[in-house]
Amino acid sequence: MIIRYTDGRTFNAVLLSRTETTMRLALENHDDVAVLTRVHDAWVSDECELVQVDFAWARPEGVAEVKLEDCICSHELAAHLIHLLHGGDDEVASGTIAVPRELIAAALLQVV
């Protein structure tokens, strides 16, 4: 887990024990055990300093980078969508929009 103090200090930590209102942590490069107390949905240090706690399991990992190429559809799909925007009201109202299968497959591959 990562512990962030309001003054900017950040520490990697290991959870030693936890109850509903307290946590005991071993901070990296520190000999003493840190104790945090939960007060009104916030963690507070022994020095009454607000502390942000980021659990490793709650952090997003391996988030893929989105590239511009991932967000661009084919010319055919773009033309079809523009057609629907400008004149496809009757098709939308009747629920019979005919989208070619290959355009749907191509669009689904590009959805992030």
PDB file of N, CA and C in Angstrom:
ATOM      1  N   MET A   1       0.834  -1.166   0.000  1.00  0.00           N
ATOM      2  CA  MET A   1       0.000   0.000   0.000  1.00  0.00           C
ATOM      3  C   MET A   1       0.884   1.236   0.000  1.00  0.00           C
ATOM      4  N   ILE A   2       0.286   2.368  -0.375  1.00  0.00           N
ATOM      5  CA  ILE A   2       1.016   3.633  -0.385  1.00  0.00           C
ATOM      6  C   ILE A   2       0.310   4.586   0.576  1.00  0.00           C
ATOM      7  N   ILE A   3       1.107   5.230   1.418  1.00  0.00           N
ATOM      8  CA  ILE A   3       0.597   6.184   2.393  1.00  0.00           C
ATOM      9  C   ILE A   3       1.069   7.570   1.967  1.00  0.00           C
ATOM     10  N   ARG A   4       0.124   8.513   1.843  1.00  0.00           N
ATOM     11  CA  ARG A   4       0.454   9.885   1.434  1.00  0.00           C
ATOM     12  C   ARG A   4       0.025  10.859   2.537  1.00  0.00           C
ATOM     13  N   TYR A   5       0.994  11.619   3.022  1.00  0.00           N
ATOM     14  CA  TYR A   5       0.718  12.635   4.023  1.00  0.00           C
ATOM     15  C   TYR A   5       0.416  13.957   3.326  1.00  0.00           C
ATOM     16  N   THR A   6      -0.286  14.852   4.020  1.00  0.00           N
ATOM     17  CA  THR A   6      -0.683  16.122   3.409  1.00  0.00           C
ATOM     18  C   THR A   6       0.509  17.023   3.093  1.00  0.00           C
ATOM     19  N   ASP A   7       1.636  16.807   3.752  1.00  0.00           N
ATOM     20  CA  ASP A   7       2.819  17.628   3.462  1.00  0.00           C
ATOM     21  C   ASP A   7       3.613  17.115   2.262  1.00  0.00           C
ATOM     22  N   GLY A   8       3.105  16.076   1.594  1.00  0.00           N
ATOM     23  CA  GLY A   8       3.754  15.566   0.392  1.00  0.00           C
ATOM     24  C   GLY A   8       4.579  14.312   0.589  1.00  0.00           C
ATOM     25  N   ARG A   9       4.844  13.924   1.831  1.00  0.00           N
ATOM     26  CA  ARG A   9       5.611  12.700   2.067  1.00  0.00           C
ATOM     27  C   ARG A   9       4.800  11.495   1.614  1.00  0.00           C
ATOM     28  N   THR A  10       5.486  10.561   0.962  1.00  0.00           N
ATOM     29  CA  THR A  10       4.845   9.340   0.484  1.00  0.00           C
ATOM     30  C   THR A  10       5.684   8.150   0.901  1.00  0.00           C
ATOM     31  N   PHE A  11       5.026   7.106   1.416  1.00  0.00           N
ATOM     32  CA  PHE A  11       5.735   5.914   1.869  1.00  0.00           C
ATOM     33  C   PHE A  11       5.048   4.654   1.364  1.00  0.00           C
ATOM     34  N   ASN A  12       5.848   3.675   0.995  1.00  0.00           N
ATOM     35  CA  ASN A  12       5.321   2.327   0.782  1.00  0.00           C
ATOM     36  C   ASN A  12       5.143   1.727   2.167  1.00  0.00           C
ATOM     37  N   ALA A  13       4.086   0.964   2.336  1.00  0.00           N
ATOM     38  CA  ALA A  13       3.799   0.411   3.658  1.00  0.00           C
ATOM     39  C   ALA A  13       3.244  -0.997   3.531  1.00  0.00           C
ATOM     40  N   VAL A  14       3.384  -1.728   4.636  1.00  0.00           N
ATOM     41  CA  VAL A  14       2.812  -3.070   4.737  1.00  0.00           C
ATOM     42  C   VAL A  14       1.835  -3.051   5.901  1.00  0.00           C
ATOM     43  N   LEU A  15       0.641  -3.552   5.670  1.00  0.00           N
ATOM     44  CA  LEU A  15      -0.382  -3.597   6.699  1.00  0.00           C
ATOM     45  C   LEU A  15      -0.057  -4.705   7.693  1.00  0.00           C
ATOM     46  N   LEU A  16       0.081  -4.336   8.962  1.00  0.00           N
ATOM     47  CA  LEU A  16       0.368  -5.316  10.012  1.00  0.00           C
ATOM     48  C   LEU A  16      -0.917  -5.811  10.663  1.00  0.00           C
ATOM     49  N   SER A  17      -1.844  -4.882  10.926  1.00  0.00           N
ATOM     50  CA  SER A  17      -3.141  -5.260  11.489  1.00  0.00           C
ATOM     51  C   SER A  17      -4.130  -4.150  11.210  1.00  0.00           C
ATOM     52  N   ARG A  18      -5.410  -4.542  11.226  1.00  0.00           N
ATOM     53  CA  ARG A  18      -6.447  -3.545  10.962  1.00  0.00           C
ATOM     54  C   ARG A  18      -7.723  -3.923  11.690  1.00  0.00           C
ATOM     55  N   THR A  19      -8.371  -2.904  12.236  1.00  0.00           N
ATOM     56  CA  THR A  19      -9.719  -3.035  12.769  1.00  0.00           C
ATOM     57  C   THR A  19     -10.582  -2.027  12.013  1.00  0.00           C
ATOM     58  N   GLU A  20     -11.811  -1.853  12.443  1.00  0.00           N
ATOM     59  CA  GLU A  20     -12.683  -0.873  11.784  1.00  0.00           C
ATOM     60  C   GLU A  20     -12.143   0.547  11.916  1.00  0.00           C
ATOM     61  N   THR A  21     -11.449   0.835  13.019  1.00  0.00           N
ATOM     62  CA  THR A  21     -11.037   2.214  13.290  1.00  0.00           C
ATOM     63  C   THR A  21      -9.535   2.440  13.362  1.00  0.00           C
ATOM     64  N   THR A  22      -8.731   1.385  13.290  1.00  0.00           N
ATOM     65  CA  THR A  22      -7.274   1.570  13.361  1.00  0.00           C
ATOM     66  C   THR A  22      -6.542   0.672  12.373  1.00  0.00           C
ATOM     67  N   MET A  23      -5.357   1.134  11.982  1.00  0.00           N
ATOM     68  CA  MET A  23      -4.446   0.339  11.157  1.00  0.00           C
ATOM     69  C   MET A  23      -3.047   0.492  11.731  1.00  0.00           C
ATOM     70  N   ARG A  24      -2.333  -0.609  11.799  1.00  0.00           N
ATOM     71  CA  ARG A  24      -0.919  -0.595  12.172  1.00  0.00           C
ATOM     72  C   ARG A  24      -0.130  -0.928  10.925  1.00  0.00           C
ATOM     73  N   LEU A  25       0.848  -0.066  10.586  1.00  0.00           N
ATOM     74  CA  LEU A  25       1.594  -0.201   9.340  1.00  0.00           C
ATOM     75  C   LEU A  25       3.089  -0.198   9.593  1.00  0.00           C
ATOM     76  N   ALA A  26       3.795  -0.969   8.783  1.00  0.00           N
ATOM     77  CA  ALA A  26       5.249  -0.897   8.754  1.00  0.00           C
ATOM     78  C   ALA A  26       5.603  -0.061   7.542  1.00  0.00           C
ATOM     79  N   LEU A  27       6.186   1.123   7.792  1.00  0.00           N
ATOM     80  CA  LEU A  27       6.566   2.016   6.710  1.00  0.00           C
ATOM     81  C   LEU A  27       7.968   1.678   6.223  1.00  0.00           C
ATOM     82  N   GLU A  28       8.172   1.757   4.935  1.00  0.00           N
ATOM     83  CA  GLU A  28       9.478   1.470   4.340  1.00  0.00           C
ATOM     84  C   GLU A  28      10.522   2.444   4.898  1.00  0.00           C
ATOM     85  N   ASN A  29      11.671   1.901   5.306  1.00  0.00           N
ATOM     86  CA  ASN A  29      12.810   2.662   5.850  1.00  0.00           C
ATOM     87  C   ASN A  29      12.505   3.341   7.184  1.00  0.00           C
ATOM     88  N   HIS A  30      11.556   2.810   7.957  1.00  0.00           N
ATOM     89  CA  HIS A  30      11.253   3.326   9.285  1.00  0.00           C
ATOM     90  C   HIS A  30      11.261   2.166  10.274  1.00  0.00           C
ATOM     91  N   ASP A  31      11.804   2.422  11.449  1.00  0.00           N
ATOM     92  CA  ASP A  31      11.871   1.385  12.480  1.00  0.00           C
ATOM     93  C   ASP A  31      10.582   1.288  13.279  1.00  0.00           C
ATOM     94  N   ASP A  32       9.873   2.411  13.423  1.00  0.00           N
ATOM     95  CA  ASP A  32       8.665   2.432  14.238  1.00  0.00           C
ATOM     96  C   ASP A  32       7.444   2.006  13.420  1.00  0.00           C
ATOM     97  N   VAL A  33       6.463   1.488  14.130  1.00  0.00           N
ATOM     98  CA  VAL A  33       5.190   1.123  13.514  1.00  0.00           C
ATOM     99  C   VAL A  33       4.309   2.365  13.488  1.00  0.00           C
ATOM    100  N   ALA A  34       3.708   2.632  12.341  1.00  0.00           N
ATOM    101  CA  ALA A  34       2.784   3.759  12.228  1.00  0.00           C
ATOM    102  C   ALA A  34       1.381   3.284  12.558  1.00  0.00           C
ATOM    103  N   VAL A  35       0.649   4.117  13.288  1.00  0.00           N
ATOM    104  CA  VAL A  35      -0.724   3.796  13.645  1.00  0.00           C
ATOM    105  C   VAL A  35      -1.625   4.878  13.060  1.00  0.00           C
ATOM    106  N   LEU A  36      -2.602   4.435  12.278  1.00  0.00           N
ATOM    107  CA  LEU A  36      -3.579   5.357  11.713  1.00  0.00           C
ATOM    108  C   LEU A  36      -4.930   5.083  12.348  1.00  0.00           C
ATOM    109  N   THR A  37      -5.687   6.147  12.577  1.00  0.00           N
ATOM    110  CA  THR A  37      -7.014   6.033  13.182  1.00  0.00           C
ATOM    111  C   THR A  37      -8.044   6.591  12.208  1.00  0.00           C
ATOM    112  N   ARG A  38      -9.156   5.891  12.086  1.00  0.00           N
ATOM    113  CA  ARG A  38     -10.216   6.327  11.173  1.00  0.00           C
ATOM    114  C   ARG A  38     -11.153   7.266  11.926  1.00  0.00           C
ATOM    115  N   VAL A  39     -11.292   8.490  11.375  1.00  0.00           N
ATOM    116  CA  VAL A  39     -12.168   9.492  11.969  1.00  0.00           C
ATOM    117  C   VAL A  39     -13.063  10.045  10.864  1.00  0.00           C
ATOM    118  N   HIS A  40     -14.358   9.798  10.963  1.00  0.00           N
ATOM    119  CA  HIS A  40     -15.323  10.297   9.977  1.00  0.00           C
ATOM    120  C   HIS A  40     -14.886   9.976   8.541  1.00  0.00           C
ATOM    121  N   ASP A  41     -14.646   8.724   8.236  1.00  0.00           N
ATOM    122  CA  ASP A  41     -14.279   8.244   6.894  1.00  0.00           C
ATOM    123  C   ASP A  41     -12.946   8.774   6.377  1.00  0.00           C
ATOM    124  N   ALA A  42     -12.053   9.182   7.261  1.00  0.00           N
ATOM    125  CA  ALA A  42     -10.712   9.624   6.864  1.00  0.00           C
ATOM    126  C   ALA A  42      -9.700   9.006   7.825  1.00  0.00           C
ATOM    127  N   TRP A  43      -8.500   8.707   7.289  1.00  0.00           N
ATOM    128  CA  TRP A  43      -7.431   8.157   8.120  1.00  0.00           C
ATOM    129  C   TRP A  43      -6.569   9.308   8.622  1.00  0.00           C
ATOM    130  N   VAL A  44      -6.230   9.239   9.932  1.00  0.00           N
ATOM    131  CA  VAL A  44      -5.463  10.287  10.591  1.00  0.00           C
ATOM    132  C   VAL A  44      -4.277   9.646  11.300  1.00  0.00           C
ATOM    133  N   SER A  45      -3.106  10.305  11.219  1.00  0.00           N
ATOM    134  CA  SER A  45      -1.903   9.784  11.868  1.00  0.00           C
ATOM    135  C   SER A  45      -1.921  10.123  13.357  1.00  0.00           C
ATOM    136  N   ASP A  46      -0.915   9.611  14.078  1.00  0.00           N
ATOM    137  CA  ASP A  46      -0.784   9.914  15.508  1.00  0.00           C
ATOM    138  C   ASP A  46      -0.575  11.403  15.748  1.00  0.00           C
ATOM    139  N   GLU A  47      -0.030  12.101  14.746  1.00  0.00           N
ATOM    140  CA  GLU A  47       0.218  13.540  14.853  1.00  0.00           C
ATOM    141  C   GLU A  47      -1.002  14.346  14.409  1.00  0.00           C
ATOM    142  N   CYS A  48      -2.152  13.700  14.265  1.00  0.00           N
ATOM    143  CA  CYS A  48      -3.416  14.318  13.828  1.00  0.00           C
ATOM    144  C   CYS A  48      -3.322  14.906  12.425  1.00  0.00           C
ATOM    145  N   GLU A  49      -2.535  14.257  11.585  1.00  0.00           N
ATOM    146  CA  GLU A  49      -2.392  14.689  10.189  1.00  0.00           C
ATOM    147  C   GLU A  49      -3.220  13.766   9.301  1.00  0.00           C
ATOM    148  N   LEU A  50      -3.986  14.362   8.396  1.00  0.00           N
ATOM    149  CA  LEU A  50      -4.790  13.595   7.463  1.00  0.00           C
ATOM    150  C   LEU A  50      -3.880  12.789   6.545  1.00  0.00           C
ATOM    151  N   VAL A  51      -4.221  11.511   6.340  1.00  0.00           N
ATOM    152  CA  VAL A  51      -3.390  10.608   5.554  1.00  0.00           C
ATOM    153  C   VAL A  51      -4.255   9.926   4.500  1.00  0.00           C
ATOM    154  N   GLN A  52      -3.752   9.881   3.269  1.00  0.00           N
ATOM    155  CA  GLN A  52      -4.441   9.156   2.205  1.00  0.00           C
ATOM    156  C   GLN A  52      -3.831   7.764   2.114  1.00  0.00           C
ATOM    157  N   VAL A  53      -4.680   6.750   2.089  1.00  0.00           N
ATOM    158  CA  VAL A  53      -4.235   5.363   2.024  1.00  0.00           C
ATOM    159  C   VAL A  53      -4.666   4.776   0.692  1.00  0.00           C
ATOM    160  N   ASP A  54      -3.703   4.323  -0.096  1.00  0.00           N
ATOM    161  CA  ASP A  54      -3.991   3.676  -1.381  1.00  0.00           C
ATOM    162  C   ASP A  54      -3.621   2.208  -1.268  1.00  0.00           C
ATOM    163  N   PHE A  55      -4.632   1.354  -1.286  1.00  0.00           N
ATOM    164  CA  PHE A  55      -4.387  -0.079  -1.223  1.00  0.00           C
ATOM    165  C   PHE A  55      -3.972  -0.576  -2.596  1.00  0.00           C
ATOM    166  N   ALA A  56      -3.041  -1.503  -2.639  1.00  0.00           N
ATOM    167  CA  ALA A  56      -2.534  -2.022  -3.908  1.00  0.00           C
ATOM    168  C   ALA A  56      -3.639  -2.664  -4.726  1.00  0.00           C
ATOM    169  N   TRP A  57      -4.572  -3.352  -4.081  1.00  0.00           N
ATOM    170  CA  TRP A  57      -5.635  -4.026  -4.817  1.00  0.00           C
ATOM    171  C   TRP A  57      -6.633  -3.047  -5.410  1.00  0.00           C
ATOM    172  N   ALA A  58      -6.651  -1.792  -4.943  1.00  0.00           N
ATOM    173  CA  ALA A  58      -7.603  -0.802  -5.441  1.00  0.00           C
ATOM    174  C   ALA A  58      -7.023   0.045  -6.572  1.00  0.00           C
ATOM    175  N   ARG A  59      -5.710  -0.036  -6.791  1.00  0.00           N
ATOM    176  CA  ARG A  59      -5.078   0.757  -7.854  1.00  0.00           C
ATOM    177  C   ARG A  59      -5.221   0.053  -9.186  1.00  0.00           C
ATOM    178  N   PRO A  60      -5.577   0.806 -10.227  1.00  0.00           N
ATOM    179  CA  PRO A  60      -5.643   0.193 -11.557  1.00  0.00           C
ATOM    180  C   PRO A  60      -4.243  -0.120 -12.059  1.00  0.00           C
ATOM    181  N   GLU A  61      -4.053  -1.346 -12.486  1.00  0.00           N
ATOM    182  CA  GLU A  61      -2.752  -1.751 -13.027  1.00  0.00           C
ATOM    183  C   GLU A  61      -2.940  -2.259 -14.432  1.00  0.00           C
ATOM    184  N   GLY A  62      -1.949  -2.053 -15.241  1.00  0.00           N
ATOM    185  CA  GLY A  62      -1.983  -2.576 -16.589  1.00  0.00           C
ATOM    186  C   GLY A  62      -3.008  -1.893 -17.472  1.00  0.00           C
ATOM    187  N   VAL A  63      -3.303  -0.634 -17.201  1.00  0.00           N
ATOM    188  CA  VAL A  63      -4.248   0.087 -18.036  1.00  0.00           C
ATOM    189  C   VAL A  63      -3.576   0.358 -19.377  1.00  0.00           C
ATOM    190  N   ALA A  64      -4.224  -0.089 -20.429  1.00  0.00           N
ATOM    191  CA  ALA A  64      -3.650   0.060 -21.762  1.00  0.00           C
ATOM    192  C   ALA A  64      -3.671   1.516 -22.182  1.00  0.00           C
ATOM    193  N   GLU A  65      -2.605   1.924 -22.829  1.00  0.00           N
ATOM    194  CA  GLU A  65      -2.515   3.280 -23.345  1.00  0.00           C
ATOM    195  C   GLU A  65      -3.389   3.385 -24.586  1.00  0.00           C
ATOM    196  N   VAL A  66      -4.215   4.411 -24.641  1.00  0.00           N
ATOM    197  CA  VAL A  66      -5.090   4.606 -25.792  1.00  0.00           C
ATOM    198  C   VAL A  66      -4.350   5.459 -26.810  1.00  0.00           C
ATOM    199  N   LYS A  67      -4.290   4.954 -28.021  1.00  0.00           N
ATOM    200  CA  LYS A  67      -3.622   5.675 -29.106  1.00  0.00           C
ATOM    201  C   LYS A  67      -4.678   6.268 -30.017  1.00  0.00           C
ATOM    202  N   LEU A  68      -4.310   7.285 -30.760  1.00  0.00           N
ATOM    203  CA  LEU A  68      -5.228   7.934 -31.682  1.00  0.00           C
ATOM    204  C   LEU A  68      -5.787   6.932 -32.688  1.00  0.00           C
ATOM    205  N   GLU A  69      -4.960   6.013 -33.139  1.00  0.00           N
ATOM    206  CA  GLU A  69      -5.388   5.025 -34.119  1.00  0.00           C
ATOM    207  C   GLU A  69      -6.519   4.141 -33.583  1.00  0.00           C
ATOM    208  N   ASP A  70      -6.563   3.953 -32.260  1.00  0.00           N
ATOM    209  CA  ASP A  70      -7.606   3.138 -31.643  1.00  0.00           C
ATOM    210  C   ASP A  70      -8.969   3.814 -31.687  1.00  0.00           C
ATOM    211  N   CYS A  71      -9.001   5.124 -31.897  1.00  0.00           N
ATOM    212  CA  CYS A  71     -10.243   5.890 -31.837  1.00  0.00           C
ATOM    213  C   CYS A  71     -10.767   6.303 -33.214  1.00  0.00           C
ATOM    214  N   ILE A  72     -10.118   5.865 -34.268  1.00  0.00           N
ATOM    215  CA  ILE A  72     -10.515   6.253 -35.626  1.00  0.00           C
ATOM    216  C   ILE A  72     -11.218   5.081 -36.290  1.00  0.00           C
ATOM    217  N   CYS A  73     -12.427   5.348 -36.803  1.00  0.00           N
ATOM    218  CA  CYS A  73     -13.167   4.290 -37.481  1.00  0.00           C
ATOM    219  C   CYS A  73     -12.902   4.358 -38.981  1.00  0.00           C
ATOM    220  N   SER A  74     -13.384   3.358 -39.682  1.00  0.00           N
ATOM    221  CA  SER A  74     -13.191   3.305 -41.136  1.00  0.00           C
ATOM    222  C   SER A  74     -14.028   4.385 -41.814  1.00  0.00           C
ATOM    223  N   HIS A  75     -13.660   4.716 -43.056  1.00  0.00           N
ATOM    224  CA  HIS A  75     -14.404   5.710 -43.829  1.00  0.00           C
ATOM    225  C   HIS A  75     -15.839   5.243 -44.073  1.00  0.00           C
ATOM    226  N   GLU A  76     -16.008   3.940 -44.301  1.00  0.00           N
ATOM    227  CA  GLU A  76     -17.337   3.405 -44.564  1.00  0.00           C
ATOM    228  C   GLU A  76     -18.249   3.575 -43.352  1.00  0.00           C
ATOM    229  N   LEU A  77     -17.738   3.251 -42.173  1.00  0.00           N
ATOM    230  CA  LEU A  77     -18.547   3.396 -40.966  1.00  0.00           C
ATOM    231  C   LEU A  77     -18.851   4.861 -40.697  1.00  0.00           C
ATOM    232  N   ALA A  78     -17.868   5.729 -40.866  1.00  0.00           N
ATOM    233  CA  ALA A  78     -18.080   7.158 -40.650  1.00  0.00           C
ATOM    234  C   ALA A  78     -19.144   7.690 -41.608  1.00  0.00           C
ATOM    235  N   ALA A  79     -19.089   7.284 -42.881  1.00  0.00           N
ATOM    236  CA  ALA A  79     -20.069   7.730 -43.864  1.00  0.00           C
ATOM    237  C   ALA A  79     -21.466   7.246 -43.484  1.00  0.00           C
ATOM    238  N   HIS A  80     -21.548   6.010 -43.044  1.00  0.00           N
ATOM    239  CA  HIS A  80     -22.847   5.455 -42.649  1.00  0.00           C
ATOM    240  C   HIS A  80     -23.415   6.210 -41.449  1.00  0.00           C
ATOM    241  N   LEU A  81     -22.586   6.504 -40.458  1.00  0.00           N
ATOM    242  CA  LEU A  81     -23.048   7.230 -39.274  1.00  0.00           C
ATOM    243  C   LEU A  81     -23.464   8.656 -39.625  1.00  0.00           C
ATOM    244  N   ILE A  82     -22.714   9.298 -40.512  1.00  0.00           N
ATOM    245  CA  ILE A  82     -23.079  10.651 -40.955  1.00  0.00           C
ATOM    246  C   ILE A  82     -24.408  10.619 -41.694  1.00  0.00           C
ATOM    247  N   HIS A  83     -24.596   9.600 -42.527  1.00  0.00           N
ATOM    248  CA  HIS A  83     -25.877   9.437 -43.230  1.00  0.00           C
ATOM    249  C   HIS A  83     -27.020   9.321 -42.227  1.00  0.00           C
ATOM    250  N   LEU A  84     -26.817   8.553 -41.174  1.00  0.00           N
ATOM    251  CA  LEU A  84     -27.863   8.399 -40.161  1.00  0.00           C
ATOM    252  C   LEU A  84     -28.129   9.712 -39.434  1.00  0.00           C
ATOM    253  N   LEU A  85     -27.070  10.502 -39.208  1.00  0.00           N
ATOM    254  CA  LEU A  85     -27.256  11.784 -38.533  1.00  0.00           C
ATOM    255  C   LEU A  85     -28.073  12.757 -39.372  1.00  0.00           C
ATOM    256  N   HIS A  86     -27.817  12.758 -40.670  1.00  0.00           N
ATOM    257  CA  HIS A  86     -28.465  13.744 -41.535  1.00  0.00           C
ATOM    258  C   HIS A  86     -29.809  13.299 -42.081  1.00  0.00           C
ATOM    259  N   GLY A  87     -29.967  12.057 -42.383  1.00  0.00           N
ATOM    260  CA  GLY A  87     -31.197  11.681 -43.041  1.00  0.00           C
ATOM    261  C   GLY A  87     -31.752  10.354 -42.609  1.00  0.00           C
ATOM    262  N   GLY A  88     -31.255   9.814 -41.553  1.00  0.00           N
ATOM    263  CA  GLY A  88     -31.672   8.478 -41.157  1.00  0.00           C
ATOM    264  C   GLY A  88     -32.784   8.450 -40.141  1.00  0.00           C
ATOM    265  N   ASP A  89     -33.549   9.556 -39.996  1.00  0.00           N
ATOM    266  CA  ASP A  89     -34.617   9.601 -38.996  1.00  0.00           C
ATOM    267  C   ASP A  89     -35.672   8.524 -39.220  1.00  0.00           C
ATOM    268  N   ASP A  90     -36.022   8.289 -40.478  1.00  0.00           N
ATOM    269  CA  ASP A  90     -37.031   7.268 -40.765  1.00  0.00           C
ATOM    270  C   ASP A  90     -36.520   5.886 -40.389  1.00  0.00           C
ATOM    271  N   GLU A  91     -35.232   5.647 -40.651  1.00  0.00           N
ATOM    272  CA  GLU A  91     -34.644   4.349 -40.324  1.00  0.00           C
ATOM    273  C   GLU A  91     -34.596   4.147 -38.812  1.00  0.00           C
ATOM    274  N   VAL A  92     -34.270   5.219 -38.091  1.00  0.00           N
ATOM    275  CA  VAL A  92     -34.191   5.133 -36.632  1.00  0.00           C
ATOM    276  C   VAL A  92     -35.578   4.914 -36.046  1.00  0.00           C
ATOM    277  N   ALA A  93     -36.571   5.660 -36.552  1.00  0.00           N
ATOM    278  CA  ALA A  93     -37.927   5.552 -36.030  1.00  0.00           C
ATOM    279  C   ALA A  93     -38.504   4.158 -36.242  1.00  0.00           C
ATOM    280  N   SER A  94     -38.200   3.567 -37.374  1.00  0.00           N
ATOM    281  CA  SER A  94     -38.754   2.242 -37.645  1.00  0.00           C
ATOM    282  C   SER A  94     -37.947   1.133 -36.992  1.00  0.00           C
ATOM    283  N   GLY A  95     -36.760   1.477 -36.483  1.00  0.00           N
ATOM    284  CA  GLY A  95     -35.920   0.472 -35.841  1.00  0.00           C
ATOM    285  C   GLY A  95     -35.255  -0.468 -36.824  1.00  0.00           C
ATOM    286  N   THR A  96     -35.174  -0.068 -38.079  1.00  0.00           N
ATOM    287  CA  THR A  96     -34.594  -0.943 -39.106  1.00  0.00           C
ATOM    288  C   THR A  96     -33.352  -0.325 -39.707  1.00  0.00           C
ATOM    289  N   ILE A  97     -32.422   0.047 -38.878  1.00  0.00           N
ATOM    290  CA  ILE A  97     -31.167   0.597 -39.385  1.00  0.00           C
ATOM    291  C   ILE A  97     -30.330  -0.562 -39.900  1.00  0.00           C
ATOM    292  N   ALA A  98     -29.984  -0.495 -41.168  1.00  0.00           N
ATOM    293  CA  ALA A  98     -29.199  -1.570 -41.778  1.00  0.00           C
ATOM    294  C   ALA A  98     -27.728  -1.183 -41.740  1.00  0.00           C
ATOM    295  N   VAL A  99     -27.015  -1.731 -40.778  1.00  0.00           N
ATOM    296  CA  VAL A  99     -25.579  -1.491 -40.681  1.00  0.00           C
ATOM    297  C   VAL A  99     -24.881  -2.766 -41.128  1.00  0.00           C
ATOM    298  N   PRO A 100     -24.016  -2.648 -42.136  1.00  0.00           N
ATOM    299  CA  PRO A 100     -23.309  -3.844 -42.602  1.00  0.00           C
ATOM    300  C   PRO A 100     -22.528  -4.505 -41.472  1.00  0.00           C
ATOM    301  N   ARG A 101     -22.564  -5.815 -41.450  1.00  0.00           N
ATOM    302  CA  ARG A 101     -21.925  -6.596 -40.398  1.00  0.00           C
ATOM    303  C   ARG A 101     -20.436  -6.298 -40.259  1.00  0.00           C
ATOM    304  N   GLU A 102     -19.730  -6.123 -41.364  1.00  0.00           N
ATOM    305  CA  GLU A 102     -18.292  -5.864 -41.288  1.00  0.00           C
ATOM    306  C   GLU A 102     -18.004  -4.509 -40.646  1.00  0.00           C
ATOM    307  N   LEU A 103     -18.927  -3.540 -40.795  1.00  0.00           N
ATOM    308  CA  LEU A 103     -18.735  -2.248 -40.139  1.00  0.00           C
ATOM    309  C   LEU A 103     -18.939  -2.363 -38.634  1.00  0.00           C
ATOM    310  N   ILE A 104     -19.908  -3.168 -38.234  1.00  0.00           N
ATOM    311  CA  ILE A 104     -20.146  -3.375 -36.795  1.00  0.00           C
ATOM    312  C   ILE A 104     -18.931  -4.063 -36.179  1.00  0.00           C
ATOM    313  N   ALA A 105     -18.422  -5.103 -36.823  1.00  0.00           N
ATOM    314  CA  ALA A 105     -17.262  -5.830 -36.298  1.00  0.00           C
ATOM    315  C   ALA A 105     -16.056  -4.896 -36.205  1.00  0.00           C
ATOM    316  N   ALA A 106     -15.844  -4.071 -37.229  1.00  0.00           N
ATOM    317  CA  ALA A 106     -14.702  -3.149 -37.215  1.00  0.00           C
ATOM    318  C   ALA A 106     -14.851  -2.129 -36.098  1.00  0.00           C
ATOM    319  N   ALA A 107     -16.074  -1.652 -35.894  1.00  0.00           N
ATOM    320  CA  ALA A 107     -16.309  -0.664 -34.837  1.00  0.00           C
ATOM    321  C   ALA A 107     -16.097  -1.278 -33.460  1.00  0.00           C
ATOM    322  N   LEU A 108     -16.545  -2.495 -33.260  1.00  0.00           N
ATOM    323  CA  LEU A 108     -16.387  -3.139 -31.958  1.00  0.00           C
ATOM    324  C   LEU A 108     -14.931  -3.381 -31.621  1.00  0.00           C
ATOM    325  N   LEU A 109     -14.106  -3.638 -32.599  1.00  0.00           N
ATOM    326  CA  LEU A 109     -12.681  -3.837 -32.347  1.00  0.00           C
ATOM    327  C   LEU A 109     -12.008  -2.540 -31.929  1.00  0.00           C
ATOM    328  N   GLN A 110     -12.593  -1.413 -32.301  1.00  0.00           N
ATOM    329  CA  GLN A 110     -11.975  -0.129 -32.013  1.00  0.00           C
ATOM    330  C   GLN A 110     -12.508   0.522 -30.769  1.00  0.00           C
ATOM    331  N   VAL A 111     -13.534  -0.038 -30.163  1.00  0.00           N
ATOM    332  CA  VAL A 111     -14.102   0.533 -28.939  1.00  0.00           C
ATOM    333  C   VAL A 111     -13.153   0.269 -27.788  1.00  0.00           C
ATOM    334  N   VAL A 112     -12.853   1.329 -27.035  1.00  0.00           N
ATOM    335  CA  VAL A 112     -11.930   1.192 -25.918  1.00  0.00           C
ATOM    336  C   VAL A 112     -12.715   1.252 -24.637  1.00  0.00           C
TER     337      VAL A 112
END
